[in-house]
Structures are given as structure tokens and as C-alpha cells.
Amino acid sequence: MRILGIDTAAGACSVALWSDGAILDRSEEFERGHAERLLPMVQELMAAAGAGLPALDAVAVTVGPGAFTGLRIGLAAARGIALAVGVPCFGVTTLEAIAEAAGHWRREQAIPATLPLLVALDSKRRDYYGQVFAADASPLTPPQVADARRLAAAVLGDTVLVAGDGNAAIAAAIAAEGRQAIEVAGSRTPQAAAVVRLAAARWIGGERPSAAPAPLYLRAADTGPSTFVPAGGAAAEALETGSGPGTAITGPGQ
């Protein structure tokens, strides 16, 4: 079984191929230029694996939260490849992907399983996309957008693991409360290797998506102060169809 993974949602462009448990991946860090590099990177990856796109059984892609332009590039490419090959396409959130990668670091460092993990990505609008996860990377809270102080307050415990490119601000907010924050190394942005691991687990569990993944949109349509906005299928569906009160997209910092 082969699954192609794609991430262009944050400050990197990464692709990965999961082939019966083995993973081959490529990643380049940059804020712009995803559209120019993504498909060549996919071609280079498949060539290195000695396989063509028709050999794929599924495609997986990050759906957000993240930068508007990057998300759209990755989603369009993943949907196009899946449609052309005739295979299902899995959607994985950026926060899930970072939590999955952080889980590997946790096990390598023998971090106690009792410590919660707070993943935070900088929205570029003076707040953060965040979510709290358990040791097994299962979510303890819904995804939300808020400032560092409110995200820190959303996670319980005297010691908290923090990951994502917003980890420094979150760690400072946790420390201001008299608690300890441990920053996870190597987990600042989502990576396609984590995306394909999550998709493979879902495939093995019997999941076969019938619809193309929709972008995950956490920010309300207005431009006022940020508030907690939980994710939901209805909001994602509304964004995909361009209807509903939460579908306005105001710029690249979604």
C-alpha cells in the first residue's frame, strides 16, 4: 500500500510516501513558492521511490489551520492527484500532524505519558491556532484560535509540553502562571511524514474517505478581537461551498 502525503500549510513544503510502513520524504522550508516547488517535489519523490502516481492507493494532505494560500495549493494538488489516479484523499489537520510528530519525540525522551501537549501555530495576526492533545496524540480539546494567555489557560497541569512555531509565546504564558513548559524539539511545523503516518493508521482502521477534504477554517468572518472558535464539520463544509457566516477569507494569514 502506498500513500502520498502533502503539506504546504505553514512555513515549509513537504511531501512523503508511505509504502507498507516505510517512509520516504522531502521537505524544504520557505514562506512563499509552494506552487512552484510542490509538484516537482512530488515527481522527485516518486522517482526516488521507483514508482509512478498510478501506484498510489491514497493521498493525504493537511487541511489547516494555516496560511490561506499555502493551504489552497496543497489541497488543490492533493485533490487533483487523487482524482486523476482514482483514489481516496485523506484530510489531516496541521495540529494533528505536529502532535503525531511530537509523540515520537516524547517516546525518545521518555517523557511521562501523563503530561499533556499543547500545539500552537502562529496565525500571523497576534494570536495562535491551538489544540491540546494526550500522550497518544488523541485530542483533549477542539482546535481553537486565541491569544497565548488563553491557550495556556486551556491546558491543565503543572508541566506541559508545547509544540508548533508558537511554542515560545505559549511557553512564556505558561511560565507566567508559575507552571513549567517543555518545548518539543523539531516540531515547529507540520511535516508530510506525520501526515502519511496518520492517514495510514486510518486506512488500516478501515476508513475510506468518499469526499474530497475541505479546508479547516477557525477564524470568524469579522475582523474584531480573536475569540475561541471551535472547528466543526459544518464550518468546513460552508467554507468549501462558499456559503454561511464563517466563510469570509480576508487574507493570507487565515
Protein backbone atom coordinates (compact mmCIF):
# COMPACT_ATOMS: atom_id res chain seq x y z
CA MET A 1 0.00 0.00 0.00
CA ARG A 2 1.28 3.45 -0.92
CA ILE A 3 0.04 6.79 0.41
CA LEU A 4 1.32 10.17 -0.80
CA GLY A 5 1.33 12.92 1.81
CA ILE A 6 1.44 16.67 1.15
CA ASP A 7 1.84 19.68 3.44
CA THR A 8 2.04 23.32 2.35
CA ALA A 9 0.08 24.88 5.21
CA ALA A 10 2.86 26.65 7.11
CA GLY A 11 6.48 27.69 6.61
CA ALA A 12 7.54 24.60 4.68
CA CYS A 13 6.65 22.47 1.69
CA SER A 14 6.92 18.76 2.37
CA VAL A 15 5.93 15.53 0.65
CA ALA A 16 6.17 11.94 1.84
CA LEU A 17 5.42 8.47 0.55
CA TRP A 18 4.26 5.74 2.93
CA SER A 19 4.94 2.35 1.37
CA ASP A 20 3.97 -0.63 3.52
CA GLY A 21 5.39 1.01 6.63
CA ALA A 22 8.49 2.57 5.09
CA ILE A 23 8.52 6.35 4.62
CA LEU A 24 10.44 8.40 2.08
CA ASP A 25 10.11 12.16 2.45
CA ARG A 26 11.30 15.52 1.18
CA SER A 27 10.97 18.91 2.89
CA GLU A 28 12.01 22.48 2.08
CA GLU A 29 11.43 25.48 4.34
CA PHE A 30 10.16 28.71 2.83
CA GLU A 31 7.25 31.10 3.29
CA ARG A 32 6.50 31.52 -0.43
CA GLY A 33 6.98 29.49 -3.57
CA HIS A 34 4.92 26.42 -2.65
CA ALA A 35 3.15 26.40 -6.01
CA GLU A 36 6.40 26.32 -7.96
CA ARG A 37 8.06 23.59 -5.90
CA LEU A 38 5.26 21.24 -4.83
CA LEU A 39 4.66 19.19 -7.98
CA PRO A 40 8.39 18.93 -8.83
CA MET A 41 8.96 17.66 -5.28
CA VAL A 42 6.22 15.06 -5.74
CA GLN A 43 7.80 13.96 -9.02
CA GLU A 44 11.25 13.74 -7.41
CA LEU A 45 9.85 11.73 -4.51
CA MET A 46 8.05 9.23 -6.72
CA ALA A 47 11.12 8.87 -8.93
CA ALA A 48 13.28 8.16 -5.88
CA ALA A 49 10.77 5.51 -4.81
CA GLY A 50 10.78 3.96 -8.28
CA ALA A 51 7.02 4.32 -8.59
CA GLY A 52 4.57 6.45 -10.54
CA LEU A 53 1.44 8.18 -9.34
CA PRO A 54 -0.80 5.33 -10.64
CA ALA A 55 0.82 3.12 -7.99
CA LEU A 56 -0.80 5.16 -5.21
CA ASP A 57 -3.60 3.76 -3.07
CA ALA A 58 -4.43 7.07 -1.39
CA VAL A 59 -3.38 10.69 -0.96
CA ALA A 60 -3.30 12.68 2.29
CA VAL A 61 -2.99 16.43 2.81
CA THR A 62 -3.03 18.97 5.63
CA VAL A 63 -6.29 20.91 5.69
CA GLY A 64 -5.38 23.63 8.17
CA PRO A 65 -5.41 25.71 10.15
CA GLY A 66 -2.65 27.59 8.38
CA ALA A 67 -1.82 30.13 5.71
CA PHE A 68 -4.63 30.61 3.21
CA THR A 69 -2.51 30.48 0.05
CA GLY A 70 -0.42 27.52 1.16
CA LEU A 71 -3.47 25.53 2.21
CA ARG A 72 -5.19 26.06 -1.12
CA ILE A 73 -2.10 24.99 -3.06
CA GLY A 74 -1.73 21.74 -1.13
CA LEU A 75 -5.42 20.92 -1.20
CA ALA A 76 -5.73 21.58 -4.93
CA ALA A 77 -2.72 19.39 -5.71
CA ALA A 78 -3.86 16.54 -3.46
CA ARG A 79 -7.40 16.60 -4.80
CA GLY A 80 -6.13 16.70 -8.38
CA ILE A 81 -3.79 13.76 -7.92
CA ALA A 82 -6.42 11.71 -6.09
CA LEU A 83 -9.00 12.43 -8.79
CA ALA A 84 -6.60 11.63 -11.62
CA VAL A 85 -5.49 8.34 -10.06
CA GLY A 86 -8.95 7.45 -8.74
CA VAL A 87 -8.01 7.02 -5.08
CA PRO A 88 -9.38 8.46 -1.81
CA CYS A 89 -7.93 11.60 -0.28
CA PHE A 90 -7.49 11.96 3.49
CA GLY A 91 -7.53 15.30 5.27
CA VAL A 92 -5.29 15.75 8.33
CA THR A 93 -5.15 18.91 10.42
CA THR A 94 -1.85 20.70 10.87
CA LEU A 95 -2.26 20.44 14.64
CA GLU A 96 -2.79 16.66 14.45
CA ALA A 97 0.32 16.29 12.30
CA ILE A 98 2.50 18.22 14.75
CA ALA A 99 1.07 16.24 17.69
CA GLU A 100 1.88 12.98 15.91
CA ALA A 101 5.49 14.05 15.36
CA ALA A 102 5.75 15.28 18.95
CA GLY A 103 4.67 11.84 20.12
CA HIS A 104 7.80 10.32 18.60
CA TRP A 105 9.97 12.86 20.42
CA ARG A 106 8.11 12.16 23.67
CA ARG A 107 8.84 8.45 23.41
CA GLU A 108 12.50 9.02 22.50
CA GLN A 109 12.94 11.32 25.51
CA ALA A 110 10.96 9.03 27.84
CA ILE A 111 8.61 11.90 28.73
CA PRO A 112 5.88 10.77 31.16
CA ALA A 113 2.62 9.89 29.42
CA THR A 114 0.72 11.97 31.97
CA LEU A 115 1.94 15.28 30.52
CA PRO A 116 -0.47 16.99 28.11
CA LEU A 117 0.71 18.51 24.84
CA LEU A 118 -0.35 21.95 23.61
CA VAL A 119 0.26 22.54 19.89
CA ALA A 120 0.21 26.18 18.78
CA LEU A 121 0.75 27.69 15.33
CA ASP A 122 1.29 31.40 14.82
CA SER A 123 -1.68 32.81 12.86
CA LYS A 124 0.33 35.94 11.94
CA ARG A 125 -2.47 38.01 13.46
CA ARG A 126 -1.24 38.33 17.05
CA ASP A 127 -2.89 35.08 18.08
CA TYR A 128 -2.44 31.34 17.63
CA TYR A 129 -4.19 28.24 16.37
CA GLY A 130 -4.05 25.74 19.21
CA GLN A 131 -5.22 22.36 20.44
CA VAL A 132 -4.44 20.17 23.46
CA PHE A 133 -3.53 16.50 22.97
CA ALA A 134 -2.97 13.49 25.21
CA ALA A 135 0.19 11.37 25.11
CA ASP A 136 -1.29 9.13 22.40
CA ALA A 137 -1.99 12.23 20.24
CA SER A 138 -5.73 11.96 20.78
CA PRO A 139 -7.34 15.43 21.11
CA LEU A 140 -8.39 16.69 24.54
CA THR A 141 -9.87 19.95 23.23
CA PRO A 142 -11.20 21.11 19.86
CA PRO A 143 -8.96 23.29 17.66
CA GLN A 144 -9.31 26.95 18.53
CA VAL A 145 -7.83 30.37 17.83
CA ALA A 146 -6.87 32.60 20.76
CA ASP A 147 -4.03 34.60 22.24
CA ALA A 148 -1.17 32.91 24.08
CA ARG A 149 -2.61 33.57 27.54
CA ARG A 150 -5.97 31.99 26.77
CA LEU A 151 -4.42 28.98 25.06
CA ALA A 152 -2.15 28.45 28.07
CA ALA A 153 -5.19 28.56 30.34
CA ALA A 154 -6.89 25.87 28.23
CA VAL A 155 -4.38 23.18 29.23
CA LEU A 156 -4.23 21.76 32.75
CA GLY A 157 -1.22 20.51 34.67
CA ASP A 158 1.89 21.84 36.40
CA THR A 159 4.07 20.73 33.49
CA VAL A 160 3.01 21.00 29.84
CA LEU A 161 4.65 20.02 26.56
CA VAL A 162 4.43 22.72 23.87
CA ALA A 163 5.00 22.30 20.12
CA GLY A 164 4.49 24.29 16.94
CA ASP A 165 6.03 27.57 15.82
CA GLY A 166 4.09 29.37 18.56
CA ASN A 167 5.73 27.34 21.32
CA ALA A 168 7.94 30.16 22.66
CA ALA A 169 5.00 32.51 23.28
CA ILE A 170 2.90 29.72 24.78
CA ALA A 171 5.79 28.59 26.99
CA ALA A 172 6.17 32.17 28.28
CA ALA A 173 2.45 32.38 29.05
CA ILE A 174 2.57 29.07 30.93
CA ALA A 175 5.65 30.19 32.86
CA ALA A 176 3.84 33.42 33.81
CA GLU A 177 1.29 31.23 35.58
CA GLY A 178 4.04 29.60 37.64
CA ARG A 179 3.99 26.38 35.65
CA GLN A 180 6.67 24.61 33.61
CA ALA A 181 6.61 24.32 29.81
CA ILE A 182 8.82 21.84 27.94
CA GLU A 183 9.35 22.77 24.30
CA VAL A 184 9.27 19.80 21.90
CA ALA A 185 12.30 19.79 19.60
CA GLY A 186 11.83 19.52 15.84
CA SER A 187 8.07 20.05 15.82
CA ARG A 188 7.64 23.67 14.75
CA THR A 189 5.73 22.98 11.52
CA PRO A 190 3.67 20.06 10.22
CA GLN A 191 5.53 17.52 8.10
CA ALA A 192 4.19 15.20 5.40
CA ALA A 193 5.82 12.19 7.11
CA ALA A 194 3.45 12.64 10.06
CA VAL A 195 0.55 13.19 7.66
CA VAL A 196 1.08 9.83 5.93
CA ARG A 197 1.51 8.02 9.27
CA LEU A 198 -1.86 9.34 10.42
CA ALA A 199 -3.51 8.54 7.08
CA ALA A 200 -2.04 5.03 7.06
CA ALA A 201 -3.45 4.37 10.54
CA ARG A 202 -6.87 5.49 9.37
CA TRP A 203 -6.62 3.35 6.22
CA ILE A 204 -5.62 0.29 8.25
CA GLY A 205 -8.57 1.03 10.53
CA GLY A 206 -10.87 0.72 7.53
CA GLU A 207 -11.50 4.39 6.72
CA ARG A 208 -12.04 5.24 3.05
CA PRO A 209 -12.95 8.91 2.51
CA SER A 210 -15.62 9.34 -0.13
CA ALA A 211 -15.43 13.14 -0.39
CA ALA A 212 -12.51 15.46 -1.02
CA PRO A 213 -11.14 17.09 2.15
CA ALA A 214 -12.23 20.66 2.88
CA PRO A 215 -10.03 23.35 4.46
CA LEU A 216 -10.34 23.79 8.21
CA TYR A 217 -11.29 27.38 8.97
CA LEU A 218 -11.15 28.56 12.58
CA ARG A 219 -11.43 32.31 12.30
CA ALA A 220 -14.78 34.07 12.41
CA ALA A 221 -15.71 36.28 9.46
CA ASP A 222 -15.38 39.58 11.34
CA THR A 223 -12.08 41.36 11.88
CA GLY A 224 -12.56 42.11 15.57
CA PRO A 225 -10.60 40.68 18.52
CA SER A 226 -9.89 36.96 18.35
CA THR A 227 -12.12 34.60 20.28
CA PHE A 228 -12.28 30.89 20.83
CA VAL A 229 -13.79 29.43 17.67
CA PRO A 230 -14.09 25.60 17.75
CA ALA A 231 -13.77 23.73 14.49
CA GLY A 232 -16.73 21.87 13.07
CA GLY A 233 -17.79 19.94 10.03
CA ALA A 234 -20.49 22.48 9.19
CA ALA A 235 -17.97 25.33 9.14
CA ALA A 236 -15.60 23.37 6.92
CA GLU A 237 -18.45 22.44 4.58
CA ALA A 238 -19.60 26.06 4.42
CA LEU A 239 -16.10 27.23 3.53
CA GLU A 240 -15.89 24.62 0.80
CA THR A 241 -19.18 25.72 -0.75
CA GLY A 242 -18.64 29.42 -0.11
CA SER A 243 -21.77 29.84 1.99
CA GLY A 244 -22.54 30.53 5.62
CA PRO A 245 -21.47 33.21 8.08
CA GLY A 246 -17.97 31.89 8.72
CA THR A 247 -16.69 31.62 5.18
CA ALA A 248 -15.14 35.01 4.54
CA ILE A 249 -11.44 34.81 3.80
CA THR A 250 -9.73 38.12 4.38
CA GLY A 251 -6.09 37.46 3.61
CA PRO A 252 -3.09 35.16 3.70
CA GLY A 253 -2.97 34.81 7.47
CA GLN A 254 -6.25 32.88 7.75
